[in-house]
Each structure stands twice: as C-alpha cells, then as structure tokens.
Amino acid sequence: MFQSFYNKSPVFLQNLACTLIGFRKKKKRYSPEFHRFLNWLEESDTWSLEQLKEYQSEQLRRIIQHCYETVPFYTKQFDQLKLKPTDIKTPDDLKCLPVLTKETVRNNVSSLISTKFPKKSLVQVATSGTTGAGLKFYHDPMAIVFQWSVWWRFRRRFGIKLYDRHAAFTGNPVVPQRQQRKPYWRNNRAVNQVRFSAFHLSADSVHDYVAWLNKNDFVYFSGYPSVMAALAEFMQDKQLTLQKPPRVVFCGSESVLPSQRQVMQNVFGCPVADQYGAAEHVCNLSQCEHGVYHEDMEMGVIEREVIESDKTSVSARIIATGLVDMAFPLLRYDIGDVATFTTERCSCGRLSLTASCIDGRIESYIVTPDGRKIGRMAHVFADLPNVRESQIVQDSIDHLVVKVVRSAGYDATNELHFEQRIRAIVGTEMKIKFEYVNEIPRTKNGKLRAVISRI
C-alpha cells in the first residue's frame, strides 16, 4: 500500500518519504552503541591473529552456552547428539555439529528464536530468494548496529566519514517505473545521500545521471557493482566524464567481476573497494587498501569446505557461525557462497585471515558433461568487446544459454570470440546458444547474477 501511494506522489513528497525513512534507519543503525562498537573495532583491527582467534573462541563459548539454554532448536539438537555446551571450546570443535542449511532454517524459524528475546522486540528480515523461496529470520536490533559498525570500519579505511555526501546505486525502487523523464534520483537528507534508480539507467538517460552527478560534490559512490559498472559503460560509450570524481567506489551485495572493477576505475578515476556481508549476521569480509579481503573475525567464524586448492590458496564453500546475534543465532550455517582464501600475510599490516576474491554463489557453478564443476568464470567476461552485459545460464548438463546485451559495433566476430572463451573452459561437448536481449532480468532486489545454474 505504501509503495502504491509513494509511486503516485509528487517528487517532493517522495524526497520527503526517503528522508523520513532515512531518519528512522539512522536512529536504528547509528545509536550511541554504534560509535562505541566502531571505536572498539578499529582497535581490534590492530590485534594479532592469536588475539583475534582467542576472542572468537571466547565469544563462541558464550554463544554455544546461550544456544543450549535458550534456543529450543539447539537444545533438542545437542540432546539428540549427546553433546554438552562445554564440548565446543574453539572453532575446531564446531565440526561435531551438523551443517545448518537454508531449508532447515526455513522449516524451524520459531524454534531458532532465543526465548530470552520477546519476538515483538526483534527485527524481521527476508532474503531476496534468488534461488527459490526467500528466507525469513529475525535479528536482535543491537546485532544490526554491530554489523553497521563493521561496515563503517571498512569505509573508514579509505578515509570516508559518517555523513559524507554520497551517491547510492542499489535495487531500491525509489523512482516509479512508469516515470519517463528526470529526475531519476531521490534525496535522503537524513544521511546526506542521493539514491539513484538502477532501473532507469540507459544510453539515453545517462546524460541526465552524469549532469546531476557533476552538479553535486559526492565524496563516494556505493551500491551494486553491476549498476555502477553499467553507468561507467554508458559514460564510456558516450564519452562522458565526471568533473568531480568520487574518492572511492564501495561495492556490496554482488560479486565484483574484474571487468566491472576495471571499467569503474577507468571511468570514475578512483579506487574500487568491495565488502562481502550476510543478511543472516554470520560473517563478513572487507577489502583493505591493498585489495585483499580480510575476515571480520569479530563478526563470525568462517569454516572452509574445500572445493579445490593449491599451495597458496583454497577455493571453499563458506560455512559460518555468527557471534553477535543472540536472538537468532546460526551455528555452522551454509550461506551458499564460495570464496578463495589465501595463506599469505597482507602488506597492509592487518593480521586477520584473508581471501583474494569472493567467487559467488555455489549454485553459480557450471557442471560440464564430463563431471567437472567450474566456479571461477569471472575472466570469461573480462574485456569482451561491444558487450554491455552478459549472463550464462545452464539449463541442462550439456547446454548453456548466453544472454547478451549488445553495444554498438557488436558482430559475428564478437560472438565467436565469446564462445571460444567459454569453450576453452567447458569443452566441446557443451552446446552453447546465444540470446540477444535488451536487458538481463535482475533478482527481486535488483541484483545481476553473471552465472546461473538450473541443474
């Protein structure tokens, strides 16, 4: 009902609504505890690995005891397994518990809520459900504050301050779909933010986007890499430039492809930094100034279910245990994502565990007819000439559909080049069909997935 009223309202009322909602969120996220958490997190950012691991173990023992005493799901599980809370003292001991799947969470929501928290005091959250039914769960409001503190520690690594003026590019429907002319943005004055529509960006409207960006002094951009990369691509095609480039571009919610990072750096003229978070409050990884992902070990414990490895890195499925949300704690939760973890120490001086890249969803792996699982497809999309956007969909064991949004100049040679790249990885037995489309569908939250496997 609110969205319908919002869509019919004049622009000044939509700006007012964005600001009022912004003030409500600001109050929840940036409470006095936020600043206390942030100051402590910046101190713990200098800890040794041994200190971080000891902290994790302490918090793990605390949350395990809490789960057994107040969360019906875990009380029953521990009793059935004949486990006592004291059996789990360190992250290595977690393996005595089964992995918690999204389906198990979906079927046991009520029994996963701690009895110490009245349900009406909790914040209900839902995931976007990119691979089927969405997932609903609950949060302790203080855990939300802690997560935002972790995210702001990441931003402050790059010299950004709270309430710096910024442009946001996400999937929020801030501009009604039916609107056909500027402004394609709305103001959230509560946090000095302008929210740009991801759904109105095109080769024609990009002039309006850039003109407004140039009229303002935005300290940083934030949002989905697919949206900001599309903006950069359109600007590149139209030979448009930013008179006041941002200091940094912050990405989140999607894996950043190398090609996306490159075009944003080239066009926006600034560093691109990424962080990986989880709506379920179980883990977080944030890039430092050197481009390395650091585990935010204060947020949760990450176990690595190895898929493939070499001497210096391991590609692994993320199994995570949250340490901050006592209202809806998740132990050994299979978040469904894959990352490449490294053993090398980062030159930034931080001693937390590291990863070189976030590979994406586990269901984004391509399975070949000869049984191989191929997860890291990012280089397939790198520097493709005359391709605006693309997506690979596997709909059977021997068939791929490649959806392509073409730029001017795209021809049969470009298609052949793209196919050769894919075949170099998947082999000759796979059938490949190209589909040319005006746009590639996003998820409910406006995210673009580069690879989708339906098998």
Protein backbone atom coordinates (compact mmCIF):
# COMPACT_ATOMS: atom_id res chain seq x y z
CA MET A 1 0.00 0.00 0.00
CA PHE A 2 2.82 2.40 0.90
CA GLN A 3 4.62 1.74 -2.41
CA SER A 4 1.44 2.45 -4.38
CA PHE A 5 0.90 5.75 -2.53
CA TYR A 6 4.60 6.61 -2.95
CA ASN A 7 4.51 5.98 -6.70
CA LYS A 8 1.53 8.31 -7.15
CA SER A 9 3.05 11.11 -5.07
CA PRO A 10 4.86 14.16 -6.50
CA VAL A 11 8.65 14.13 -6.42
CA PHE A 12 8.94 16.47 -3.42
CA LEU A 13 6.83 14.07 -1.32
CA GLN A 14 8.93 11.12 -2.50
CA ASN A 15 12.06 13.00 -1.39
CA LEU A 16 10.40 13.66 1.96
CA ALA A 17 9.46 9.97 2.31
CA CYS A 18 13.03 8.88 1.53
CA THR A 19 14.34 11.30 4.14
CA LEU A 20 11.84 10.24 6.83
CA ILE A 21 12.63 6.57 6.22
CA GLY A 22 16.30 7.55 6.31
CA PHE A 23 15.91 9.15 9.74
CA ARG A 24 14.19 6.03 11.06
CA LYS A 25 17.01 3.79 9.78
CA LYS A 26 19.65 6.23 11.02
CA LYS A 27 18.24 6.02 14.54
CA LYS A 28 18.40 2.21 14.45
CA ARG A 29 21.85 1.94 12.86
CA TYR A 30 23.81 4.82 14.35
CA SER A 31 22.89 4.68 18.03
CA PRO A 32 25.43 5.58 20.76
CA GLU A 33 26.38 1.88 20.79
CA PHE A 34 27.36 2.19 17.12
CA HIS A 35 30.16 4.62 17.95
CA ARG A 36 31.29 2.50 20.89
CA PHE A 37 31.40 -0.60 18.68
CA LEU A 38 33.21 1.26 15.90
CA ASN A 39 35.90 2.58 18.22
CA TRP A 40 36.45 -0.91 19.62
CA LEU A 41 36.52 -2.48 16.13
CA GLU A 42 39.18 -0.04 14.97
CA GLU A 43 41.25 -1.10 17.97
CA SER A 44 40.73 -4.82 17.28
CA ASP A 45 41.75 -4.18 13.64
CA THR A 46 45.31 -3.91 15.02
CA TRP A 47 45.20 -7.17 17.01
CA SER A 48 47.42 -10.15 16.31
CA LEU A 49 45.91 -13.26 14.76
CA GLU A 50 46.28 -15.03 18.10
CA GLN A 51 44.29 -12.30 19.85
CA LEU A 52 41.55 -12.47 17.23
CA LYS A 53 41.32 -16.26 17.48
CA GLU A 54 41.17 -16.09 21.28
CA TYR A 55 38.38 -13.53 21.05
CA GLN A 56 36.48 -15.79 18.63
CA SER A 57 36.82 -18.75 20.99
CA GLU A 58 35.57 -16.72 23.96
CA GLN A 59 32.55 -15.46 22.05
CA LEU A 60 31.89 -18.92 20.62
CA ARG A 61 31.77 -20.49 24.09
CA ARG A 62 29.39 -17.76 25.19
CA ILE A 63 27.00 -18.19 22.26
CA ILE A 64 27.08 -22.00 22.42
CA GLN A 65 26.03 -21.92 26.08
CA HIS A 66 23.35 -19.37 25.22
CA CYS A 67 22.04 -21.54 22.36
CA TYR A 68 21.74 -24.62 24.54
CA GLU A 69 19.99 -22.78 27.37
CA THR A 70 17.60 -20.53 25.40
CA VAL A 71 17.17 -21.73 21.78
CA PRO A 72 14.80 -24.74 21.54
CA PHE A 73 16.22 -25.93 18.22
CA TYR A 74 19.73 -26.26 19.64
CA THR A 75 18.63 -27.66 22.98
CA LYS A 76 16.96 -30.51 21.13
CA GLN A 77 19.88 -30.92 18.71
CA PHE A 78 22.53 -31.06 21.45
CA ASP A 79 20.49 -33.56 23.47
CA GLN A 80 19.95 -35.81 20.45
CA LEU A 81 23.67 -35.73 19.67
CA LYS A 82 24.52 -36.27 23.36
CA LEU A 83 26.61 -33.10 23.34
CA LYS A 84 27.20 -30.64 26.16
CA PRO A 85 27.91 -26.94 25.52
CA THR A 86 31.33 -27.40 27.10
CA ASP A 87 32.24 -29.85 24.32
CA ILE A 88 32.68 -26.86 21.99
CA LYS A 89 35.52 -24.65 23.16
CA THR A 90 37.12 -23.46 19.92
CA PRO A 91 36.08 -23.13 16.26
CA ASP A 92 37.74 -26.50 15.54
CA ASP A 93 35.17 -28.17 17.80
CA LEU A 94 32.24 -26.94 15.72
CA LYS A 95 32.57 -29.92 13.39
CA CYS A 96 30.74 -32.08 15.93
CA LEU A 97 27.57 -30.22 14.87
CA PRO A 98 25.80 -30.79 11.54
CA VAL A 99 25.81 -28.08 8.88
CA LEU A 100 22.72 -25.89 9.07
CA THR A 101 21.03 -25.48 5.68
CA LYS A 102 18.69 -22.74 4.50
CA GLU A 103 15.92 -25.32 4.21
CA THR A 104 16.40 -26.34 7.86
CA VAL A 105 16.23 -22.69 8.92
CA ARG A 106 13.12 -22.14 6.80
CA ASN A 107 11.38 -25.08 8.48
CA ASN A 108 12.43 -24.16 12.05
CA VAL A 109 12.19 -20.38 12.29
CA SER A 110 10.18 -20.28 15.51
CA SER A 111 12.40 -22.75 17.37
CA LEU A 112 15.55 -20.86 16.35
CA ILE A 113 14.47 -17.72 18.23
CA SER A 114 16.02 -17.38 21.67
CA THR A 115 13.47 -17.43 24.50
CA LYS A 116 15.38 -14.53 26.10
CA PHE A 117 14.06 -12.18 23.40
CA PRO A 118 10.36 -11.25 23.05
CA LYS A 119 9.51 -11.71 19.39
CA LYS A 120 7.97 -8.23 19.19
CA SER A 121 11.36 -6.71 20.13
CA LEU A 122 13.09 -8.29 17.12
CA VAL A 123 13.56 -7.07 13.56
CA GLN A 124 12.22 -9.40 10.86
CA VAL A 125 14.37 -9.65 7.75
CA ALA A 126 13.92 -11.53 4.47
CA THR A 127 16.49 -12.53 1.87
CA SER A 128 15.78 -11.92 -1.81
CA GLY A 129 15.36 -15.61 -2.63
CA THR A 130 17.50 -15.70 -5.78
CA THR A 131 17.46 -19.49 -5.86
CA GLY A 132 13.87 -20.18 -4.86
CA ALA A 133 11.75 -19.25 -1.89
CA GLY A 134 13.03 -16.35 0.17
CA LEU A 135 14.22 -16.87 3.72
CA LYS A 136 12.74 -15.02 6.72
CA PHE A 137 14.54 -14.69 10.02
CA TYR A 138 14.86 -12.34 12.99
CA HIS A 139 17.55 -10.04 14.40
CA ASP A 140 18.45 -8.56 17.73
CA PRO A 141 18.47 -4.78 16.96
CA MET A 142 21.88 -4.49 18.66
CA ALA A 143 23.33 -7.01 16.19
CA ILE A 144 22.23 -4.74 13.34
CA VAL A 145 24.11 -1.86 14.99
CA PHE A 146 27.22 -4.03 15.31
CA GLN A 147 27.05 -5.06 11.65
CA TRP A 148 26.86 -1.42 10.56
CA SER A 149 29.85 -0.71 12.75
CA VAL A 150 31.79 -3.43 10.91
CA TRP A 151 30.75 -1.94 7.58
CA TRP A 152 31.85 1.54 8.65
CA ARG A 153 35.21 0.27 9.83
CA PHE A 154 35.65 -0.87 6.21
CA ARG A 155 34.71 2.53 4.81
CA ARG A 156 36.90 4.43 7.25
CA ARG A 157 39.93 2.50 5.99
CA PHE A 158 39.57 4.68 2.89
CA GLY A 159 39.26 7.99 4.74
CA ILE A 160 35.47 8.23 4.49
CA LYS A 161 33.48 9.80 7.33
CA LEU A 162 29.95 9.17 8.51
CA TYR A 163 27.51 11.51 6.71
CA ASP A 164 29.90 12.36 3.91
CA ARG A 165 27.74 13.20 0.87
CA HIS A 166 27.38 10.15 -1.33
CA ALA A 167 25.51 8.63 -4.27
CA ALA A 168 23.84 5.23 -3.82
CA PHE A 169 23.13 2.84 -6.71
CA THR A 170 21.09 -0.15 -5.50
CA GLY A 171 17.92 -2.01 -6.42
CA ASN A 172 15.54 0.07 -4.30
CA PRO A 173 12.54 1.26 -6.37
CA VAL A 174 12.96 4.90 -5.34
CA VAL A 175 11.76 6.15 -8.75
CA PRO A 176 8.42 4.80 -10.07
CA GLN A 177 8.87 2.52 -13.06
CA ARG A 178 6.38 4.50 -15.12
CA GLN A 179 8.42 7.71 -14.81
CA GLN A 180 9.94 8.53 -18.20
CA ARG A 181 11.96 11.67 -17.51
CA LYS A 182 14.37 13.07 -14.94
CA PRO A 183 14.92 13.28 -12.04
CA TYR A 184 15.90 9.59 -11.83
CA TRP A 185 17.10 10.07 -8.24
CA ARG A 186 15.69 10.92 -4.82
CA ASN A 187 17.21 12.66 -1.80
CA ASN A 188 17.72 11.05 1.59
CA ARG A 189 18.79 14.08 3.61
CA ALA A 190 18.96 12.06 6.83
CA VAL A 191 22.38 10.67 5.87
CA ASN A 192 23.39 13.15 3.12
CA GLN A 193 22.63 10.64 0.38
CA VAL A 194 21.18 10.72 -3.13
CA ARG A 195 19.62 7.43 -4.24
CA PHE A 196 19.81 6.80 -7.99
CA SER A 197 17.43 4.46 -9.78
CA ALA A 198 19.03 1.32 -11.21
CA PHE A 199 16.00 0.67 -13.39
CA HIS A 200 16.00 3.88 -15.42
CA LEU A 201 19.66 3.89 -16.42
CA SER A 202 20.06 3.69 -20.22
CA ALA A 203 22.11 5.05 -23.12
CA ASP A 204 19.69 7.98 -23.32
CA SER A 205 19.21 8.75 -19.61
CA VAL A 206 22.92 8.51 -18.74
CA HIS A 207 23.34 12.17 -19.78
CA ASP A 208 20.89 13.17 -17.04
CA TYR A 209 22.63 10.96 -14.48
CA VAL A 210 26.05 12.42 -15.23
CA ALA A 211 24.76 16.01 -15.33
CA TRP A 212 23.34 15.61 -11.80
CA LEU A 213 26.48 13.86 -10.54
CA ASN A 214 28.52 16.80 -11.88
CA LYS A 215 26.27 19.35 -10.15
CA ASN A 216 27.00 17.74 -6.80
CA ASP A 217 30.13 17.05 -4.83
CA PHE A 218 29.81 13.35 -3.92
CA VAL A 219 32.59 12.08 -1.69
CA TYR A 220 31.91 8.45 -2.59
CA PHE A 221 29.63 6.10 -4.54
CA SER A 222 28.15 2.93 -3.09
CA GLY A 223 25.92 0.14 -4.35
CA TYR A 224 25.69 -2.86 -6.64
CA PRO A 225 28.74 -3.26 -8.92
CA SER A 226 26.51 -4.27 -11.84
CA VAL A 227 24.66 -0.93 -11.68
CA MET A 228 27.73 1.25 -11.24
CA ALA A 229 29.62 -0.66 -13.95
CA ALA A 230 26.66 -0.14 -16.30
CA LEU A 231 26.81 3.58 -15.57
CA ALA A 232 30.54 3.56 -16.33
CA GLU A 233 29.98 1.61 -19.58
CA PHE A 234 27.35 4.09 -20.80
CA MET A 235 29.61 7.00 -19.88
CA GLN A 236 32.48 5.41 -21.77
CA ASP A 237 30.34 4.87 -24.86
CA LYS A 238 29.04 8.45 -24.78
CA GLN A 239 32.46 9.90 -23.88
CA LEU A 240 31.08 11.46 -20.72
CA THR A 241 33.28 12.33 -17.75
CA LEU A 242 32.85 13.25 -14.11
CA GLN A 243 34.04 16.75 -13.29
CA LYS A 244 34.08 15.84 -9.58
CA PRO A 245 35.11 12.17 -9.31
CA PRO A 246 34.40 10.35 -6.04
CA ARG A 247 37.30 9.43 -3.76
CA VAL A 248 36.27 5.77 -3.74
CA VAL A 249 33.55 3.43 -5.00
CA PHE A 250 32.19 0.93 -2.45
CA CYS A 251 30.64 -2.28 -3.78
CA GLY A 252 28.48 -4.82 -2.00
CA SER A 253 25.72 -7.43 -2.35
CA GLU A 254 27.16 -8.88 -5.59
CA SER A 255 30.50 -10.38 -6.59
CA VAL A 256 32.60 -7.83 -8.45
CA LEU A 257 33.80 -9.09 -11.82
CA PRO A 258 37.30 -7.99 -12.89
CA SER A 259 35.81 -6.31 -15.97
CA GLN A 260 33.38 -4.34 -13.79
CA ARG A 261 36.16 -3.23 -11.45
CA GLN A 262 38.32 -2.15 -14.39
CA VAL A 263 35.69 -0.05 -16.14
CA MET A 264 34.69 1.67 -12.88
CA GLN A 265 38.30 2.51 -12.06
CA ASN A 266 38.93 3.80 -15.58
CA VAL A 267 35.79 5.92 -15.89
CA PHE A 268 35.33 7.13 -12.31
CA GLY A 269 39.07 7.62 -11.77
CA CYS A 270 39.21 6.26 -8.23
CA PRO A 271 39.76 3.01 -6.28
CA VAL A 272 37.01 0.39 -6.14
CA ALA A 273 36.62 -1.38 -2.78
CA ASP A 274 34.38 -4.34 -2.03
CA GLN A 275 32.97 -5.99 1.06
CA TYR A 276 31.06 -9.22 1.49
CA GLY A 277 28.32 -9.28 4.09
CA ALA A 278 25.48 -11.56 5.06
CA ALA A 279 21.93 -10.61 5.94
CA GLU A 280 21.98 -13.57 8.33
CA HIS A 281 24.69 -11.91 10.51
CA VAL A 282 27.07 -14.87 10.38
CA CYS A 283 30.20 -13.43 8.75
CA ASN A 284 31.78 -10.53 6.88
CA LEU A 285 34.87 -9.93 4.72
CA SER A 286 36.13 -6.45 3.84
CA GLN A 287 38.81 -5.28 1.45
CA CYS A 288 41.71 -3.21 2.70
CA GLU A 289 43.59 -0.50 0.82
CA HIS A 290 45.65 -3.22 -0.93
CA GLY A 291 42.59 -5.00 -2.34
CA VAL A 292 42.82 -8.03 -0.02
CA TYR A 293 39.67 -9.31 1.69
CA HIS A 294 40.09 -9.54 5.46
CA GLU A 295 37.80 -11.69 7.55
CA ASP A 296 35.97 -9.54 10.07
CA MET A 297 36.64 -12.17 12.70
CA GLU A 298 34.71 -10.27 15.37
CA MET A 299 31.51 -10.90 13.37
CA GLY A 300 31.68 -14.67 12.99
CA VAL A 301 33.68 -17.84 12.43
CA ILE A 302 34.19 -18.97 8.85
CA GLU A 303 34.87 -22.65 8.14
CA ARG A 304 36.18 -23.63 4.73
CA GLU A 305 34.55 -26.60 2.97
CA VAL A 306 37.28 -27.14 0.38
CA ILE A 307 36.36 -27.41 -3.30
CA GLU A 308 39.84 -27.09 -4.79
CA SER A 309 43.22 -25.92 -3.53
CA ASP A 310 46.83 -25.21 -4.41
CA LYS A 311 49.95 -24.22 -2.46
CA THR A 312 48.84 -20.69 -1.54
CA SER A 313 45.04 -20.66 -1.80
CA VAL A 314 41.92 -22.70 -1.37
CA SER A 315 38.53 -22.30 -3.06
CA ALA A 316 35.97 -23.21 -0.44
CA ARG A 317 32.32 -23.11 0.39
CA ILE A 318 31.61 -20.75 3.30
CA ILE A 319 30.18 -22.37 6.43
CA ALA A 320 29.72 -19.65 9.05
CA THR A 321 28.81 -19.30 12.72
CA GLY A 322 27.62 -15.90 13.86
CA LEU A 323 28.99 -14.40 17.09
CA VAL A 324 26.88 -11.27 17.55
CA ASP A 325 23.17 -12.07 17.05
CA MET A 326 21.95 -13.73 20.24
CA ALA A 327 18.27 -13.54 19.24
CA PHE A 328 18.51 -15.77 16.16
CA PRO A 329 21.91 -17.48 16.33
CA LEU A 330 23.02 -19.64 13.42
CA LEU A 331 25.67 -22.31 14.02
CA ARG A 332 27.57 -23.81 11.07
CA TYR A 333 25.26 -22.11 8.59
CA ASP A 334 25.76 -22.92 4.89
CA ILE A 335 25.40 -19.47 3.38
CA GLY A 336 25.69 -20.84 -0.15
CA ASP A 337 28.68 -18.78 -1.28
CA VAL A 338 32.24 -19.63 -2.30
CA ALA A 339 35.44 -17.65 -1.72
CA THR A 340 39.12 -18.14 -2.47
CA PHE A 341 41.07 -17.97 0.79
CA THR A 342 44.81 -17.31 0.97
CA THR A 343 47.59 -18.09 3.41
CA GLU A 344 49.76 -15.10 2.56
CA ARG A 345 50.08 -12.19 5.01
CA CYS A 346 48.70 -8.88 3.72
CA SER A 347 51.12 -5.98 3.31
CA CYS A 348 48.60 -3.60 4.91
CA GLY A 349 49.75 -4.89 8.30
CA ARG A 350 46.41 -6.34 9.44
CA LEU A 351 46.82 -9.88 10.70
CA SER A 352 43.29 -11.25 10.29
CA LEU A 353 42.65 -14.20 7.96
CA THR A 354 42.43 -13.26 4.28
CA ALA A 355 40.78 -14.09 0.96
CA SER A 356 41.74 -13.00 -2.53
CA CYS A 357 38.26 -12.97 -4.03
CA ILE A 358 34.61 -13.81 -3.49
CA ASP A 359 33.72 -16.37 -6.15
CA GLY A 360 29.95 -16.09 -5.75
CA ARG A 361 27.06 -18.44 -5.29
CA ILE A 362 27.66 -22.19 -5.15
CA GLU A 363 24.68 -22.66 -7.50
CA SER A 364 26.53 -20.43 -9.97
CA TYR A 365 28.91 -23.29 -10.72
CA ILE A 366 28.79 -24.76 -14.22
CA VAL A 367 28.76 -28.56 -14.33
CA THR A 368 30.27 -30.00 -17.51
CA PRO A 369 29.18 -33.24 -19.24
CA ASP A 370 32.44 -34.86 -18.07
CA GLY A 371 31.59 -34.07 -14.44
CA ARG A 372 33.76 -31.02 -13.75
CA LYS A 373 32.47 -28.14 -11.60
CA ILE A 374 33.62 -24.74 -12.80
CA GLY A 375 33.11 -21.85 -10.42
CA ARG A 376 35.51 -19.06 -11.24
CA MET A 377 34.08 -17.74 -14.53
CA ALA A 378 34.99 -14.09 -13.99
CA HIS A 379 37.78 -13.99 -16.61
CA VAL A 380 35.31 -15.21 -19.27
CA PHE A 381 33.54 -11.86 -19.04
CA ALA A 382 36.68 -9.70 -18.89
CA ASP A 383 37.19 -7.11 -21.65
CA LEU A 384 34.55 -8.50 -24.00
CA PRO A 385 34.38 -6.10 -26.96
CA ASN A 386 30.99 -4.50 -27.65
CA VAL A 387 29.20 -6.37 -24.85
CA ARG A 388 27.22 -4.19 -22.42
CA GLU A 389 26.09 -7.02 -20.12
CA SER A 390 26.01 -10.79 -20.29
CA GLN A 391 24.84 -13.79 -18.33
CA ILE A 392 25.44 -17.53 -18.70
CA VAL A 393 22.55 -19.83 -17.78
CA GLN A 394 22.97 -23.61 -17.61
CA ASP A 395 19.60 -25.28 -18.19
CA SER A 396 20.81 -28.86 -18.71
CA ILE A 397 24.00 -30.86 -18.25
CA ASP A 398 25.12 -30.20 -21.84
CA HIS A 399 23.52 -26.85 -22.66
CA LEU A 400 24.31 -23.22 -21.91
CA VAL A 401 22.30 -20.14 -22.84
CA VAL A 402 24.39 -16.99 -23.14
CA LYS A 403 22.32 -13.82 -22.79
CA VAL A 404 23.97 -10.74 -24.26
CA VAL A 405 23.08 -7.06 -24.24
CA ARG A 406 24.99 -5.72 -27.22
CA SER A 407 26.76 -2.41 -27.64
CA ALA A 408 27.09 -0.64 -30.97
CA GLY A 409 29.50 -2.48 -33.25
CA TYR A 410 28.80 -5.99 -31.96
CA ASP A 411 29.10 -8.55 -34.79
CA ALA A 412 29.60 -12.25 -35.51
CA THR A 413 33.29 -11.97 -34.68
CA ASN A 414 32.45 -10.82 -31.15
CA GLU A 415 30.09 -13.76 -30.69
CA LEU A 416 32.74 -16.20 -31.90
CA HIS A 417 35.30 -14.67 -29.52
CA PHE A 418 32.89 -15.00 -26.60
CA GLU A 419 32.05 -18.62 -27.48
CA GLN A 420 35.74 -19.53 -27.79
CA ARG A 421 36.38 -18.19 -24.29
CA ILE A 422 33.57 -20.30 -22.85
CA ARG A 423 34.62 -23.43 -24.78
CA ALA A 424 38.18 -23.07 -23.55
CA ILE A 425 36.75 -23.82 -20.09
CA VAL A 426 33.70 -26.05 -20.61
CA GLY A 427 34.97 -28.10 -23.56
CA THR A 428 33.49 -29.08 -26.91
CA GLU A 429 30.64 -31.32 -25.70
CA MET A 430 28.63 -28.43 -24.31
CA LYS A 431 26.03 -26.89 -26.62
CA ILE A 432 26.03 -23.08 -26.48
CA LYS A 433 23.15 -20.88 -27.60
CA PHE A 434 23.37 -17.08 -27.76
CA GLU A 435 20.31 -14.98 -26.96
CA TYR A 436 20.36 -11.25 -27.63
CA VAL A 437 18.21 -9.24 -25.28
CA ASN A 438 17.56 -5.59 -24.41
CA GLU A 439 18.14 -6.23 -20.72
CA ILE A 440 19.02 -9.06 -18.35
CA PRO A 441 16.50 -9.69 -15.57
CA ARG A 442 17.61 -8.84 -12.05
CA THR A 443 16.61 -10.52 -8.82
CA LYS A 444 13.83 -9.04 -6.69
CA ASN A 445 16.44 -6.80 -5.06
CA GLY A 446 17.81 -5.58 -8.38
CA LYS A 447 20.96 -7.71 -8.42
CA LEU A 448 22.58 -9.10 -11.56
CA ARG A 449 23.90 -12.66 -11.46
CA ALA A 450 26.59 -13.41 -14.06
CA VAL A 451 26.18 -17.20 -13.95
CA ILE A 452 23.06 -19.21 -13.10
CA SER A 453 22.87 -23.00 -12.99
CA ARG A 454 19.38 -24.50 -13.06
CA ILE A 455 20.65 -28.04 -12.53
